[in-house]
Amino acid sequence: LRRPWERPAEPRRLTPARVRRGFRNVRATAARPAAAPKPSKPGSGRPPGSKNKHRAKRHDVGKTVKRAESIKEHQARRGLTSS
């Protein structure tokens, strides 16, 4: 509202008070600069019945061999040669 000694503003003139008063109506109709809406359900994933695209990775166990490769070599190490 204007003071009694101020001239009335013309109807089309925007003032901070008029913007504040009408902002709720403008905001309801204007697009909001927000992120895209999130999907409400999970995606399709792998459809049942279709094959896997990538096989699971296989990793070496990393064990060190304590025994010999063959039984004869193992027995030779222990001194139990049977010949």
Protein backbone atom coordinates (compact mmCIF):
# COMPACT_ATOMS: atom_id res chain seq x y z
CA LEU A 1 0.00 0.00 0.00
CA ARG A 2 1.11 3.48 -0.75
CA ARG A 3 1.31 6.35 1.67
CA PRO A 4 -1.35 9.08 1.47
CA TRP A 5 1.14 11.59 0.07
CA GLU A 6 2.38 9.20 -2.69
CA ARG A 7 0.81 9.15 -6.13
CA PRO A 8 -1.09 5.96 -7.00
CA ALA A 9 0.82 3.69 -9.38
CA GLU A 10 -0.75 2.90 -12.75
CA PRO A 11 -2.41 -0.55 -12.81
CA ARG A 12 0.14 -2.20 -15.17
CA ARG A 13 3.17 -1.01 -13.18
CA LEU A 14 4.88 -3.80 -11.23
CA THR A 15 6.04 -2.97 -7.73
CA PRO A 16 7.77 -5.26 -5.22
CA ALA A 17 4.59 -5.45 -3.16
CA ARG A 18 2.49 -6.42 -6.19
CA VAL A 19 5.01 -9.07 -7.20
CA ARG A 20 5.01 -10.45 -3.66
CA ARG A 21 1.22 -10.54 -3.59
CA GLY A 22 0.86 -12.24 -6.95
CA PHE A 23 3.80 -14.62 -6.70
CA ARG A 24 1.71 -17.49 -5.32
CA ASN A 25 -0.50 -17.38 -8.43
CA VAL A 26 2.49 -17.15 -10.79
CA ARG A 27 4.32 -20.01 -9.08
CA ALA A 28 1.34 -22.35 -9.30
CA THR A 29 1.17 -22.06 -13.10
CA ALA A 30 4.88 -21.71 -13.97
CA ALA A 31 7.18 -24.68 -14.55
CA ARG A 32 9.43 -25.49 -11.62
CA PRO A 33 13.19 -25.75 -12.33
CA ALA A 34 13.55 -29.06 -10.51
CA ALA A 35 15.15 -32.36 -11.43
CA ALA A 36 13.30 -34.88 -13.58
CA PRO A 37 10.85 -37.04 -11.64
CA LYS A 38 12.21 -40.33 -10.38
CA PRO A 39 10.66 -43.55 -11.69
CA SER A 40 8.25 -45.08 -9.21
CA LYS A 41 9.18 -48.70 -9.86
CA PRO A 42 12.45 -50.51 -10.51
CA GLY A 43 13.76 -50.89 -14.04
CA SER A 44 13.40 -53.96 -16.22
CA GLY A 45 16.85 -55.37 -15.44
CA ARG A 46 17.55 -58.67 -17.17
CA PRO A 47 14.28 -60.04 -18.53
CA PRO A 48 13.59 -63.64 -17.51
CA GLY A 49 14.56 -66.15 -20.18
CA SER A 50 17.36 -64.06 -21.69
CA LYS A 51 21.01 -65.06 -21.42
CA ASN A 52 23.58 -63.18 -19.37
CA LYS A 53 25.57 -60.69 -21.42
CA HIS A 54 28.73 -60.87 -19.26
CA ARG A 55 30.02 -63.87 -17.38
CA ALA A 56 31.07 -63.42 -13.77
CA LYS A 57 34.78 -62.77 -13.31
CA ARG A 58 36.90 -65.65 -12.06
CA HIS A 59 39.83 -64.92 -9.78
CA ASP A 60 42.79 -67.11 -8.95
CA VAL A 61 42.75 -68.40 -5.39
CA GLY A 62 46.33 -67.35 -4.87
CA LYS A 63 47.39 -70.46 -2.94
CA THR A 64 51.03 -71.49 -3.00
CA VAL A 65 51.66 -75.16 -3.72
CA LYS A 66 53.03 -76.90 -0.64
CA ARG A 67 52.93 -80.35 -2.14
CA ALA A 68 54.87 -81.57 -5.13
CA GLU A 69 53.12 -81.79 -8.47
CA SER A 70 53.25 -85.60 -8.59
CA ILE A 71 53.11 -88.28 -5.90
CA LYS A 72 56.46 -89.74 -6.94
CA GLU A 73 58.12 -86.35 -6.54
CA HIS A 74 56.43 -85.96 -3.18
CA GLN A 75 57.66 -89.34 -1.98
CA ALA A 76 61.16 -88.58 -3.27
CA ARG A 77 61.24 -85.41 -1.18
CA ARG A 78 60.20 -87.32 1.92
CA GLY A 79 62.64 -90.17 1.25
CA LEU A 80 59.98 -92.83 0.65
CA THR A 81 61.08 -93.98 -2.77
CA SER A 82 59.58 -97.33 -3.73
CA SER A 83 61.75 -98.72 -6.51
